C-alpha atoms as a PDB file:
ATOM      1  CA  MET A   1      45.658  45.976 157.784  1.00  0.00           C
ATOM      2  CA  GLY A   2      42.814  46.201 159.825  1.00  0.00           C
ATOM      3  CA  GLU A   3      42.509  45.512 163.454  1.00  0.00           C
ATOM      4  CA  LYS A   4      45.315  43.264 163.459  1.00  0.00           C
ATOM      5  CA  LEU A   5      48.747  44.340 162.297  1.00  0.00           C
ATOM      6  CA  MET A   6      49.475  40.929 160.536  1.00  0.00           C
ATOM      7  CA  ASP A   7      47.533  37.612 159.649  1.00  0.00           C
ATOM      8  CA  THR A   8      50.171  34.752 161.066  1.00  0.00           C
ATOM      9  CA  GLU A   9      48.731  32.143 158.613  1.00  0.00           C
ATOM     10  CA  ARG A  10      49.138  34.712 155.774  1.00  0.00           C
ATOM     11  CA  THR A  11      52.596  36.063 156.656  1.00  0.00           C
ATOM     12  CA  CYS A  12      55.874  35.164 155.008  1.00  0.00           C
ATOM     13  CA  LEU A  13      59.501  36.253 156.227  1.00  0.00           C
ATOM     14  CA  LEU A  14      61.494  37.334 152.964  1.00  0.00           C
ATOM     15  CA  ILE A  15      65.239  37.150 153.338  1.00  0.00           C
ATOM     16  CA  ILE A  16      67.278  38.950 151.045  1.00  0.00           C
ATOM     17  CA  ASP A  17      70.637  38.817 149.432  1.00  0.00           C
ATOM     18  CA  ILE A  18      72.326  37.302 152.889  1.00  0.00           C
ATOM     19  CA  GLN A  19      75.525  36.242 150.720  1.00  0.00           C
ATOM     20  CA  TYR A  20      78.853  36.269 151.139  1.00  0.00           C
ATOM     21  CA  ASP A  21      79.732  38.684 148.707  1.00  0.00           C
ATOM     22  CA  PHE A  22      77.826  41.342 150.444  1.00  0.00           C
ATOM     23  CA  LEU A  23      79.185  40.404 154.025  1.00  0.00           C
ATOM     24  CA  ASP A  24      83.197  39.847 153.181  1.00  0.00           C
ATOM     25  CA  ALA A  25      84.785  43.190 153.600  1.00  0.00           C
ATOM     26  CA  SER A  26      87.357  42.356 150.917  1.00  0.00           C
ATOM     27  CA  SER A  27      84.482  42.277 148.402  1.00  0.00           C
ATOM     28  CA  PRO A  28      83.637  44.744 145.824  1.00  0.00           C
ATOM     29  CA  LEU A  29      79.958  44.368 147.205  1.00  0.00           C
ATOM     30  CA  PHE A  30      80.521  44.689 150.425  1.00  0.00           C
ATOM     31  CA  VAL A  31      77.851  46.594 152.760  1.00  0.00           C
ATOM     32  CA  ARG A  32      79.257  47.781 155.788  1.00  0.00           C
ATOM     33  CA  GLY A  33      76.076  47.555 158.188  1.00  0.00           C
ATOM     34  CA  GLY A  34      75.496  43.998 156.600  1.00  0.00           C
ATOM     35  CA  PRO A  35      77.277  41.878 159.462  1.00  0.00           C
ATOM     36  CA  SER A  36      75.780  43.859 162.442  1.00  0.00           C
ATOM     37  CA  ILE A  37      72.331  42.399 161.353  1.00  0.00           C
ATOM     38  CA  ILE A  38      72.871  38.685 161.218  1.00  0.00           C
ATOM     39  CA  SER A  39      72.086  37.599 164.519  1.00  0.00           C
ATOM     40  CA  ASN A  40      68.775  39.483 163.942  1.00  0.00           C
ATOM     41  CA  ILE A  41      67.621  37.905 161.147  1.00  0.00           C
ATOM     42  CA  GLU A  42      68.678  34.583 162.738  1.00  0.00           C
ATOM     43  CA  LYS A  43      66.768  35.360 165.497  1.00  0.00           C
ATOM     44  CA  ILE A  44      63.520  35.571 163.184  1.00  0.00           C
ATOM     45  CA  LEU A  45      64.044  33.193 161.175  1.00  0.00           C
ATOM     46  CA  ASN A  46      64.329  30.696 163.831  1.00  0.00           C
ATOM     47  CA  TYR A  47      60.758  32.175 165.222  1.00  0.00           C
ATOM     48  CA  PHE A  48      59.405  31.556 161.991  1.00  0.00           C
ATOM     49  CA  ARG A  49      60.743  27.935 161.757  1.00  0.00           C
ATOM     50  CA  GLU A  50      59.836  26.859 165.116  1.00  0.00           C
ATOM     51  CA  ASN A  51      55.842  28.158 164.401  1.00  0.00           C
ATOM     52  CA  ASN A  52      56.188  26.808 161.190  1.00  0.00           C
ATOM     53  CA  GLN A  53      55.542  29.908 158.998  1.00  0.00           C
ATOM     54  CA  LEU A  54      56.553  30.533 155.561  1.00  0.00           C
ATOM     55  CA  VAL A  55      59.920  31.882 154.804  1.00  0.00           C
ATOM     56  CA  ILE A  56      61.314  32.319 151.463  1.00  0.00           C
ATOM     57  CA  PHE A  57      65.068  33.143 150.775  1.00  0.00           C
ATOM     58  CA  VAL A  58      66.133  35.567 147.620  1.00  0.00           C
ATOM     59  CA  LYS A  59      69.627  35.478 146.313  1.00  0.00           C
ATOM     60  CA  ARG A  60      71.256  37.157 143.321  1.00  0.00           C
ATOM     61  CA  LEU A  61      73.226  34.933 140.982  1.00  0.00           C
ATOM     62  CA  HIS A  62      75.425  35.651 137.966  1.00  0.00           C
ATOM     63  CA  ARG A  63      76.766  33.719 135.184  1.00  0.00           C
ATOM     64  CA  SER A  64      80.673  33.836 135.295  1.00  0.00           C
ATOM     65  CA  ASP A  65      81.182  35.519 131.944  1.00  0.00           C
ATOM     66  CA  GLY A  66      79.045  38.509 133.316  1.00  0.00           C
ATOM     67  CA  SER A  67      76.402  38.306 130.609  1.00  0.00           C
ATOM     68  CA  ASP A  68      73.337  38.892 132.813  1.00  0.00           C
ATOM     69  CA  VAL A  69      74.798  41.568 134.994  1.00  0.00           C
ATOM     70  CA  ASP A  70      73.022  44.813 134.941  1.00  0.00           C
ATOM     71  CA  LYS A  71      74.279  47.637 133.294  1.00  0.00           C
ATOM     72  CA  THR A  72      75.289  49.724 136.145  1.00  0.00           C
ATOM     73  CA  ARG A  73      77.480  46.743 137.588  1.00  0.00           C
ATOM     74  CA  ILE A  74      79.043  45.265 134.440  1.00  0.00           C
ATOM     75  CA  GLU A  75      82.016  47.520 134.658  1.00  0.00           C
ATOM     76  CA  LEU A  76      82.789  46.868 138.346  1.00  0.00           C
ATOM     77  CA  PHE A  77      82.054  43.076 137.495  1.00  0.00           C
ATOM     78  CA  GLN A  78      84.599  42.885 134.493  1.00  0.00           C
ATOM     79  CA  ARG A  79      87.147  45.178 136.307  1.00  0.00           C
ATOM     80  CA  THR A  80      87.029  42.834 139.665  1.00  0.00           C
ATOM     81  CA  GLY A  81      86.935  39.318 138.433  1.00  0.00           C
ATOM     82  CA  GLY A  82      83.142  39.100 139.023  1.00  0.00           C
ATOM     83  CA  PHE A  83      81.144  38.508 142.075  1.00  0.00           C
ATOM     84  CA  LEU A  84      78.088  36.459 143.107  1.00  0.00           C
ATOM     85  CA  ILE A  85      78.670  33.973 140.629  1.00  0.00           C
ATOM     86  CA  GLY A  86      76.815  30.676 140.912  1.00  0.00           C
ATOM     87  CA  GLY A  87      78.906  28.065 142.614  1.00  0.00           C
ATOM     88  CA  THR A  88      81.226  30.525 144.295  1.00  0.00           C
ATOM     89  CA  ARG A  89      81.256  30.761 148.192  1.00  0.00           C
ATOM     90  CA  GLY A  90      80.712  34.537 147.560  1.00  0.00           C
ATOM     91  CA  ALA A  91      77.154  33.755 146.040  1.00  0.00           C
ATOM     92  CA  GLU A  92      76.083  31.177 148.914  1.00  0.00           C
ATOM     93  CA  ILE A  93      73.875  32.337 151.787  1.00  0.00           C
ATOM     94  CA  VAL A  94      75.749  32.404 154.815  1.00  0.00           C
ATOM     95  CA  GLU A  95      76.009  29.512 156.981  1.00  0.00           C
ATOM     96  CA  ALA A  96      74.250  31.138 160.405  1.00  0.00           C
ATOM     97  CA  ILE A  97      71.216  31.078 158.265  1.00  0.00           C
ATOM     98  CA  LYS A  98      71.554  28.626 155.704  1.00  0.00           C
ATOM     99  CA  PRO A  99      68.223  27.309 154.055  1.00  0.00           C
ATOM    100  CA  LEU A 100      66.889  23.944 155.167  1.00  0.00           C
ATOM    101  CA  PRO A 101      66.108  21.617 152.045  1.00  0.00           C
ATOM    102  CA  SER A 102      62.350  22.186 152.606  1.00  0.00           C
ATOM    103  CA  GLU A 103      62.603  26.470 152.416  1.00  0.00           C
ATOM    104  CA  ALA A 104      62.245  27.945 148.881  1.00  0.00           C
ATOM    105  CA  VAL A 105      65.129  29.686 147.468  1.00  0.00           C
ATOM    106  CA  VAL A 106      64.248  32.644 144.740  1.00  0.00           C
ATOM    107  CA  ILE A 107      67.094  33.476 142.227  1.00  0.00           C
ATOM    108  CA  LYS A 108      67.094  37.079 140.815  1.00  0.00           C
ATOM    109  CA  LYS A 109      69.127  39.023 138.533  1.00  0.00           C
ATOM    110  CA  ARG A 110      68.025  42.705 139.557  1.00  0.00           C
ATOM    111  CA  TRP A 111      67.563  44.830 142.436  1.00  0.00           C
ATOM    112  CA  SER A 112      63.918  43.700 143.048  1.00  0.00           C
ATOM    113  CA  ALA A 113      63.012  40.065 144.258  1.00  0.00           C
ATOM    114  CA  PHE A 114      59.939  40.424 142.490  1.00  0.00           C
ATOM    115  CA  PHE A 115      61.673  41.305 138.707  1.00  0.00           C
ATOM    116  CA  HIS A 116      61.622  38.429 136.053  1.00  0.00           C
ATOM    117  CA  THR A 117      61.096  35.672 139.296  1.00  0.00           C
ATOM    118  CA  GLU A 118      58.410  33.251 140.564  1.00  0.00           C
ATOM    119  CA  LEU A 119      58.239  35.313 143.840  1.00  0.00           C
ATOM    120  CA  ASP A 120      54.509  36.762 143.721  1.00  0.00           C
ATOM    121  CA  LEU A 121      53.169  33.337 142.310  1.00  0.00           C
ATOM    122  CA  MET A 122      54.871  31.604 144.726  1.00  0.00           C
ATOM    123  CA  LEU A 123      53.004  34.346 147.547  1.00  0.00           C
ATOM    124  CA  ARG A 124      49.671  33.965 145.846  1.00  0.00           C
ATOM    125  CA  ARG A 125      49.754  30.123 145.948  1.00  0.00           C
ATOM    126  CA  GLU A 126      50.203  30.061 149.888  1.00  0.00           C
ATOM    127  CA  LYS A 127      47.710  33.017 150.279  1.00  0.00           C
ATOM    128  CA  ILE A 128      50.350  35.040 151.608  1.00  0.00           C
ATOM    129  CA  LYS A 129      49.044  38.996 152.402  1.00  0.00           C
ATOM    130  CA  ASP A 130      51.789  40.055 154.815  1.00  0.00           C
ATOM    131  CA  LEU A 131      55.621  40.605 154.212  1.00  0.00           C
ATOM    132  CA  ILE A 132      58.276  40.724 156.641  1.00  0.00           C
ATOM    133  CA  ILE A 133      61.297  41.956 154.627  1.00  0.00           C
ATOM    134  CA  CYS A 134      64.946  41.480 155.787  1.00  0.00           C
ATOM    135  CA  GLY A 135      68.575  41.622 153.974  1.00  0.00           C
ATOM    136  CA  ILE A 136      70.878  43.639 152.147  1.00  0.00           C
ATOM    137  CA  GLN A 137      70.950  46.383 151.271  1.00  0.00           C
ATOM    138  CA  THR A 138      68.246  48.762 151.956  1.00  0.00           C
ATOM    139  CA  PRO A 139      68.615  51.630 149.212  1.00  0.00           C
ATOM    140  CA  ASN A 140      68.975  48.997 146.738  1.00  0.00           C
ATOM    141  CA  CYS A 141      67.334  45.388 146.831  1.00  0.00           C
ATOM    142  CA  ILE A 142      65.497  46.056 149.672  1.00  0.00           C
ATOM    143  CA  ARG A 143      63.576  49.369 148.736  1.00  0.00           C
ATOM    144  CA  ALA A 144      62.976  47.912 145.069  1.00  0.00           C
ATOM    145  CA  THR A 145      61.508  44.591 146.538  1.00  0.00           C
ATOM    146  CA  PHE A 146      59.210  46.582 149.119  1.00  0.00           C
ATOM    147  CA  THR A 147      57.949  49.191 146.433  1.00  0.00           C
ATOM    148  CA  ASP A 148      57.171  46.348 144.054  1.00  0.00           C
ATOM    149  CA  ALA A 149      55.269  44.306 146.800  1.00  0.00           C
ATOM    150  CA  ILE A 150      53.210  47.351 147.646  1.00  0.00           C
ATOM    151  CA  SER A 151      52.405  47.824 144.026  1.00  0.00           C
ATOM    152  CA  LEU A 152      51.031  44.348 144.065  1.00  0.00           C
ATOM    153  CA  ASP A 153      49.092  45.062 147.273  1.00  0.00           C
ATOM    154  CA  TYR A 154      51.016  42.994 149.964  1.00  0.00           C
ATOM    155  CA  ASP A 155      51.364  44.907 153.258  1.00  0.00           C
ATOM    156  CA  VAL A 156      54.612  44.983 154.493  1.00  0.00           C
ATOM    157  CA  ILE A 157      56.905  45.324 157.306  1.00  0.00           C
ATOM    158  CA  VAL A 158      60.946  46.267 156.865  1.00  0.00           C
ATOM    159  CA  LEU A 159      63.122  45.251 159.994  1.00  0.00           C
ATOM    160  CA  GLU A 160      64.895  48.217 161.172  1.00  0.00           C
ATOM    161  CA  ASP A 161      67.778  46.048 162.579  1.00  0.00           C
ATOM    162  CA  GLY A 162      67.286  43.428 160.125  1.00  0.00           C
ATOM    163  CA  THR A 163      68.239  45.775 157.120  1.00  0.00           C
ATOM    164  CA  ALA A 164      71.602  47.293 156.334  1.00  0.00           C
ATOM    165  CA  SER A 165      73.065  50.022 154.129  1.00  0.00           C
ATOM    166  CA  SER A 166      76.798  51.157 153.837  1.00  0.00           C
ATOM    167  CA  ASN A 167      76.184  54.132 156.372  1.00  0.00           C
ATOM    168  CA  LEU A 168      73.428  55.038 158.904  1.00  0.00           C
ATOM    169  CA  GLU A 169      72.405  57.990 157.118  1.00  0.00           C
ATOM    170  CA  ILE A 170      71.714  56.072 153.974  1.00  0.00           C
ATOM    171  CA  GLN A 171      69.715  53.420 156.043  1.00  0.00           C
ATOM    172  CA  LYS A 172      67.695  56.114 157.859  1.00  0.00           C
ATOM    173  CA  SER A 173      66.816  57.951 154.879  1.00  0.00           C
ATOM    174  CA  ASN A 174      65.729  54.886 153.036  1.00  0.00           C
ATOM    175  CA  LEU A 175      63.709  53.678 155.936  1.00  0.00           C
ATOM    176  CA  LEU A 176      61.954  56.901 156.321  1.00  0.00           C
ATOM    177  CA  ASP A 177      61.273  56.907 152.553  1.00  0.00           C
ATOM    178  CA  MET A 178      59.520  53.409 152.763  1.00  0.00           C
ATOM    179  CA  GLU A 179      57.430  54.525 155.961  1.00  0.00           C
ATOM    180  CA  ASN A 180      56.054  57.592 154.311  1.00  0.00           C
ATOM    181  CA  ILE A 181      54.743  55.198 151.397  1.00  0.00           C
ATOM    182  CA  GLY A 182      53.241  52.449 153.468  1.00  0.00           C
ATOM    183  CA  ALA A 183      55.993  50.249 154.829  1.00  0.00           C
ATOM    184  CA  LYS A 184      55.853  49.305 158.787  1.00  0.00           C
ATOM    185  CA  ILE A 185      59.326  50.081 159.980  1.00  0.00           C
ATOM    186  CA  LEU A 186      59.668  47.960 162.904  1.00  0.00           C
ATOM    187  CA  ARG A 187      62.657  45.970 164.847  1.00  0.00           C
ATOM    188  CA  THR A 188      63.305  42.259 165.361  1.00  0.00           C
ATOM    189  CA  ASP A 189      61.729  41.926 168.957  1.00  0.00           C
ATOM    190  CA  GLU A 190      58.481  44.099 168.019  1.00  0.00           C
ATOM    191  CA  VAL A 191      57.890  41.834 164.886  1.00  0.00           C
ATOM    192  CA  ILE A 192      58.379  38.491 166.968  1.00  0.00           C
ATOM    193  CA  ASN A 193      56.361  40.039 170.017  1.00  0.00           C
ATOM    194  CA  LEU A 194      53.386  40.913 167.526  1.00  0.00           C
ATOM    195  CA  LEU A 195      53.642  37.579 165.890  1.00  0.00           C
ATOM    196  CA  LYS A 196      52.889  36.031 169.347  1.00  0.00           C
ATOM    197  CA  TYR A 197      49.997  37.878 170.128  1.00  0.00           C
ATOM    198  CA  GLN A 198      48.293  38.274 166.388  1.00  0.00           C
ATOM    199  CA  ILE A 199      46.945  34.552 166.535  1.00  0.00           C
END
């Protein structure tokens, strides 16, 4: 990234899958560490909004009949009556970080936010070079999105305290793996401080 860790004018905050079905303890997709990261995501989201920097939300949606559910989850979808179904509360982004009408929401069907979506085109149109990734959950959608991002030559920061897994061991090992192949793993306050002084 040269002398600067990031170029603030070419940085995007990517918020992935902060939906009720991942945060409700009664949901089959509940991520145990999820509720604890909402305040940090809200903090960095507010910073981006206050400074008119690009924010893109990503969420997963499925049809009610399960016809677009990935092979690894179709049995769970059928057995539990479904999840992340468009039009249901479970598929909604949580109220604390609800997107503004002016903010883009990318819909995905699989782990990576880049897979069969318009995300890369949107980022390149805005001349984005640096991504700050946060959301749920670290070994799946966060890691898959990160891998695609670096494959597309974006520089990536993953928020250590803005991502979550089912347990701390999984969280730590996946963050380490991503760090070893190019991610910057930083805490929310560290990133906000960097953004303030990278202008």
